[in-house]
């Protein structure tokens, strides 16, 4: 999990980032602060991996605050002012989000810091994805995933007896999922290889009578993996 701190003097801005964090399975919110002085205290009390940091704040602005940190966590600036971008990137920040920003843009920034975090793991025999469900995290074993379908800003993960909505992107999942267990078959579908029952001209029949579209661009890779 990526442990996050929000530093912003605007309550509405805090609430938006908090909601985005709650929608993202691999992020967890540790604390919220209204200014840099509060943030200093939180950093002494907690281990923080990522700060969502405003720039224009009372007392000490975000740029000055970041410059004072000797071992700074990763930082994503969230600001209404575009004129600080050059200074911000000189401080080696992850990204610079201009308010108001969408969840899609937020997720694009977060994707840049995901790799060091444990989002998908194979520490056990099967491995699993982490999915946020009812305020907590659950493990969805790879071997139970029949297929994954893109659905706007989310993906739908379909297993034998349940479906989950998660805020991964298809591109992100292609990187995370083990290639010997999963294969992209369409721009909107990833199939679990062990659940593929039949390959047709433009369709893939999956376990549980699911019939998925098959794109010609991905057919050759699917056939090669299916034969092996």
Protein backbone atom coordinates (compact mmCIF):
# COMPACT_ATOMS: atom_id res chain seq x y z
CA UNK A 1 0.00 0.00 0.00
CA UNK A 2 1.09 3.56 -0.75
CA UNK A 3 0.56 5.65 2.40
CA UNK A 4 -0.62 9.15 1.54
CA UNK A 5 -0.72 12.57 3.16
CA UNK A 6 -2.88 15.45 1.88
CA UNK A 7 -1.59 18.97 2.53
CA UNK A 8 -4.06 21.65 1.38
CA UNK A 9 -5.69 24.60 3.12
CA UNK A 10 -8.92 24.26 1.08
CA UNK A 11 -11.42 21.82 2.58
CA UNK A 12 -13.13 21.08 -0.75
CA UNK A 13 -9.78 20.33 -2.38
CA UNK A 14 -8.94 17.99 0.50
CA UNK A 15 -12.26 16.18 0.09
CA UNK A 16 -11.77 15.67 -3.64
CA UNK A 17 -8.29 14.17 -3.24
CA UNK A 18 -9.51 12.05 -0.31
CA UNK A 19 -12.32 10.66 -2.47
CA UNK A 20 -9.89 9.88 -5.29
CA UNK A 21 -7.60 8.08 -2.83
CA UNK A 22 -10.55 6.03 -1.57
CA UNK A 23 -11.32 4.98 -5.14
CA UNK A 24 -7.78 3.74 -5.74
CA UNK A 25 -7.04 0.26 -4.32
CA UNK A 26 -3.33 0.66 -3.72
CA UNK A 27 -3.59 4.01 -1.90
CA UNK A 28 -4.40 4.56 1.75
CA UNK A 29 -4.92 7.95 3.40
CA UNK A 30 -2.94 8.43 6.62
CA UNK A 31 -3.74 12.07 7.41
CA UNK A 32 -4.91 15.46 6.11
CA UNK A 33 -3.25 18.80 6.93
CA UNK A 34 -4.18 22.44 6.33
CA UNK A 35 -0.63 23.80 6.24
CA UNK A 36 3.05 22.91 6.21
CA UNK A 37 3.46 23.09 9.99
CA UNK A 38 0.80 20.42 10.50
CA UNK A 39 2.44 18.39 7.73
CA UNK A 40 5.82 18.49 9.52
CA UNK A 41 4.17 16.99 12.60
CA UNK A 42 2.43 14.25 10.62
CA UNK A 43 5.68 13.29 8.89
CA UNK A 44 7.34 12.88 12.27
CA UNK A 45 4.47 10.72 13.53
CA UNK A 46 3.85 8.54 10.48
CA UNK A 47 5.65 6.82 7.63
CA UNK A 48 4.44 8.53 4.44
CA UNK A 49 5.12 7.36 0.87
CA UNK A 50 3.31 10.05 -1.12
CA UNK A 51 2.24 13.65 -0.41
CA UNK A 52 -0.51 15.43 -2.37
CA UNK A 53 0.77 18.95 -1.79
CA UNK A 54 -0.83 22.31 -2.49
CA UNK A 55 1.46 25.26 -3.23
CA UNK A 56 -0.38 28.46 -2.25
CA UNK A 57 -0.94 27.97 1.49
CA UNK A 58 -0.67 30.28 4.52
CA UNK A 59 2.51 30.37 6.64
CA UNK A 60 4.76 28.31 4.34
CA UNK A 61 4.01 27.54 0.70
CA UNK A 62 4.33 24.04 -0.70
CA UNK A 63 7.54 24.68 -2.62
CA UNK A 64 9.33 26.03 0.45
CA UNK A 65 7.99 23.20 2.57
CA UNK A 66 9.31 20.57 0.16
CA UNK A 67 12.75 22.23 0.04
CA UNK A 68 13.07 21.91 3.81
CA UNK A 69 12.59 18.12 3.81
CA UNK A 70 15.83 16.16 3.93
CA UNK A 71 14.24 12.80 3.08
CA UNK A 72 11.07 13.77 1.28
CA UNK A 73 8.42 11.23 0.26
CA UNK A 74 7.28 11.28 -3.34
CA UNK A 75 5.24 14.41 -4.07
CA UNK A 76 2.39 15.23 -6.44
CA UNK A 77 1.58 18.94 -6.45
CA UNK A 78 -2.12 19.85 -6.56
CA UNK A 79 -2.52 23.55 -7.33
CA UNK A 80 -4.63 26.07 -9.19
CA UNK A 81 -1.53 27.93 -10.38
CA UNK A 82 0.34 26.79 -13.51
CA UNK A 83 3.23 29.26 -13.06
CA UNK A 84 5.05 27.11 -10.47
CA UNK A 85 5.47 24.09 -12.74
CA UNK A 86 9.12 24.67 -13.68
CA UNK A 87 10.14 25.17 -10.04
CA UNK A 88 8.16 22.12 -9.04
CA UNK A 89 9.79 19.77 -11.51
CA UNK A 90 13.21 21.12 -10.53
CA UNK A 91 12.42 19.61 -7.13
CA UNK A 92 11.96 16.20 -8.77
CA UNK A 93 8.25 15.85 -8.02
CA UNK A 94 6.22 13.02 -9.54
CA UNK A 95 3.60 15.19 -11.22
CA UNK A 96 1.88 18.57 -11.23
CA UNK A 97 -1.93 18.52 -11.16
CA UNK A 98 -3.81 21.69 -12.02
CA UNK A 99 -7.10 22.14 -10.17
CA UNK A 100 -9.74 21.13 -10.99
CA UNK A 101 -8.45 17.75 -12.16
CA UNK A 102 -10.35 14.58 -13.00
CA UNK A 103 -9.95 11.18 -11.42
CA UNK A 104 -8.46 9.98 -14.71
CA UNK A 105 -5.75 12.64 -14.51
CA UNK A 106 -5.20 11.85 -10.82
CA UNK A 107 -4.78 8.16 -11.63
CA UNK A 108 -2.30 8.95 -14.39
CA UNK A 109 -0.15 10.75 -11.83
CA UNK A 110 -0.48 7.97 -9.28
CA UNK A 111 0.50 5.37 -11.88
CA UNK A 112 3.95 6.97 -11.93
CA UNK A 113 4.54 5.91 -8.33
CA UNK A 114 2.74 2.56 -8.37
CA UNK A 115 5.61 0.31 -9.40
CA UNK A 116 7.44 0.28 -6.05
CA UNK A 117 4.17 -0.52 -4.27
CA UNK A 118 2.65 -3.94 -3.83
CA UNK A 119 -0.34 -3.73 -6.15
CA UNK A 120 -0.03 -7.18 -7.64
CA UNK A 121 2.05 -9.88 -6.08
CA UNK A 122 3.14 -13.46 -6.59
CA UNK A 123 4.46 -14.11 -3.12
CA UNK A 124 2.29 -17.22 -2.97
CA UNK A 125 1.78 -20.01 -5.49
CA UNK A 126 -0.98 -18.29 -7.42
CA UNK A 127 -0.50 -14.57 -6.80
CA UNK A 128 -3.34 -12.09 -6.51
CA UNK A 129 -4.65 -8.62 -7.26
CA UNK A 130 -5.64 -6.26 -4.47
CA UNK A 131 -9.14 -4.82 -4.83
CA UNK A 132 -10.86 -2.27 -2.60
CA UNK A 133 -14.21 -3.63 -1.45
CA UNK A 134 -16.59 -2.09 1.13
CA UNK A 135 -13.97 0.13 2.67
CA UNK A 136 -11.27 -2.53 2.86
CA UNK A 137 -8.86 -4.49 0.69
CA UNK A 138 -9.37 -8.05 -0.48
CA UNK A 139 -7.14 -10.42 -2.42
CA UNK A 140 -8.50 -11.80 -5.70
CA UNK A 141 -6.34 -14.82 -6.63
CA UNK A 142 -5.09 -14.85 -10.21
CA UNK A 143 -6.36 -18.37 -10.79
CA UNK A 144 -9.94 -17.33 -9.95
CA UNK A 145 -10.03 -14.49 -12.49
CA UNK A 146 -11.87 -15.62 -15.64
CA UNK A 147 -11.58 -12.29 -17.45
CA UNK A 148 -11.23 -8.55 -16.94
CA UNK A 149 -13.32 -6.01 -18.87
CA UNK A 150 -12.59 -2.30 -19.26
CA UNK A 151 -15.46 -0.10 -18.06
CA UNK A 152 -14.84 3.67 -18.37
CA UNK A 153 -12.55 4.68 -15.46
CA UNK A 154 -12.73 1.20 -13.93
CA UNK A 155 -12.27 -2.43 -14.83
CA UNK A 156 -14.65 -5.27 -14.04
CA UNK A 157 -12.91 -8.37 -12.66
CA UNK A 158 -15.02 -11.49 -13.20
CA UNK A 159 -14.43 -14.67 -11.19
CA UNK A 160 -16.41 -17.91 -10.87
CA UNK A 161 -18.76 -16.55 -8.24
CA UNK A 162 -18.27 -12.79 -7.99
CA UNK A 163 -17.50 -9.60 -9.86
CA UNK A 164 -15.40 -6.67 -8.65
CA UNK A 165 -15.00 -3.09 -9.83
CA UNK A 166 -11.48 -1.74 -9.48
CA UNK A 167 -9.73 1.44 -10.60
CA UNK A 168 -6.95 -0.16 -12.62
CA UNK A 169 -6.32 0.70 -16.26
CA UNK A 170 -5.95 -2.00 -18.90
CA UNK A 171 -2.45 -0.79 -19.70
CA UNK A 172 -1.51 -0.94 -16.04
CA UNK A 173 -2.93 -4.47 -15.71
CA UNK A 174 -0.99 -5.70 -18.73
CA UNK A 175 2.17 -4.71 -16.86
CA UNK A 176 1.08 -6.14 -13.52
CA UNK A 177 -0.47 -9.47 -14.49
CA UNK A 178 1.83 -12.45 -15.16
CA UNK A 179 1.96 -13.06 -18.95
CA UNK A 180 1.85 -16.85 -18.50
CA UNK A 181 -1.55 -16.52 -16.79
CA UNK A 182 -3.28 -13.68 -18.68
CA UNK A 183 -3.53 -12.48 -22.27
CA UNK A 184 -5.06 -9.40 -23.91
CA UNK A 185 -7.66 -10.54 -26.46
CA UNK A 186 -9.36 -7.24 -27.27
CA UNK A 187 -8.91 -3.54 -26.46
CA UNK A 188 -11.48 -4.01 -23.69
CA UNK A 189 -10.74 -7.57 -22.49
CA UNK A 190 -8.00 -9.55 -20.75
CA UNK A 191 -8.59 -13.31 -20.45
CA UNK A 192 -7.35 -15.74 -17.83
CA UNK A 193 -5.60 -18.43 -19.88
CA UNK A 194 -6.61 -21.34 -17.66
CA UNK A 195 -10.28 -20.43 -18.21
CA UNK A 196 -10.16 -20.33 -22.03
CA UNK A 197 -12.28 -23.20 -23.36
CA UNK A 198 -12.49 -22.50 -27.10
CA UNK A 199 -11.07 -20.04 -29.62
CA UNK A 200 -13.29 -19.15 -32.58
CA UNK A 201 -12.73 -16.84 -35.52
CA UNK A 202 -13.61 -13.67 -33.63
CA UNK A 203 -14.72 -14.95 -30.23
CA UNK A 204 -13.27 -16.65 -27.17
CA UNK A 205 -15.45 -19.01 -25.15
CA UNK A 206 -14.55 -18.89 -21.47
CA UNK A 207 -15.42 -21.02 -18.48
CA UNK A 208 -18.89 -20.21 -17.20
CA UNK A 209 -20.29 -19.79 -20.74
CA UNK A 210 -18.83 -16.30 -21.13
CA UNK A 211 -18.27 -15.40 -24.79
CA UNK A 212 -15.79 -12.58 -25.34
CA UNK A 213 -14.84 -10.69 -28.50
CA UNK A 214 -11.47 -11.54 -30.05
CA UNK A 215 -9.55 -8.88 -31.96
CA UNK A 216 -7.40 -9.96 -34.90
CA UNK A 217 -4.57 -7.86 -33.42
CA UNK A 218 -4.35 -10.17 -30.40
CA UNK A 219 -5.36 -13.50 -31.92
CA UNK A 220 -1.86 -14.71 -32.79
CA UNK A 221 -0.59 -14.18 -29.24
CA UNK A 222 -3.61 -15.96 -27.79
CA UNK A 223 -3.21 -18.95 -30.09
CA UNK A 224 0.49 -19.27 -29.27
CA UNK A 225 -0.16 -19.22 -25.53
CA UNK A 226 -3.18 -21.52 -25.83
CA UNK A 227 -1.14 -24.13 -27.74
CA UNK A 228 1.62 -24.07 -25.15
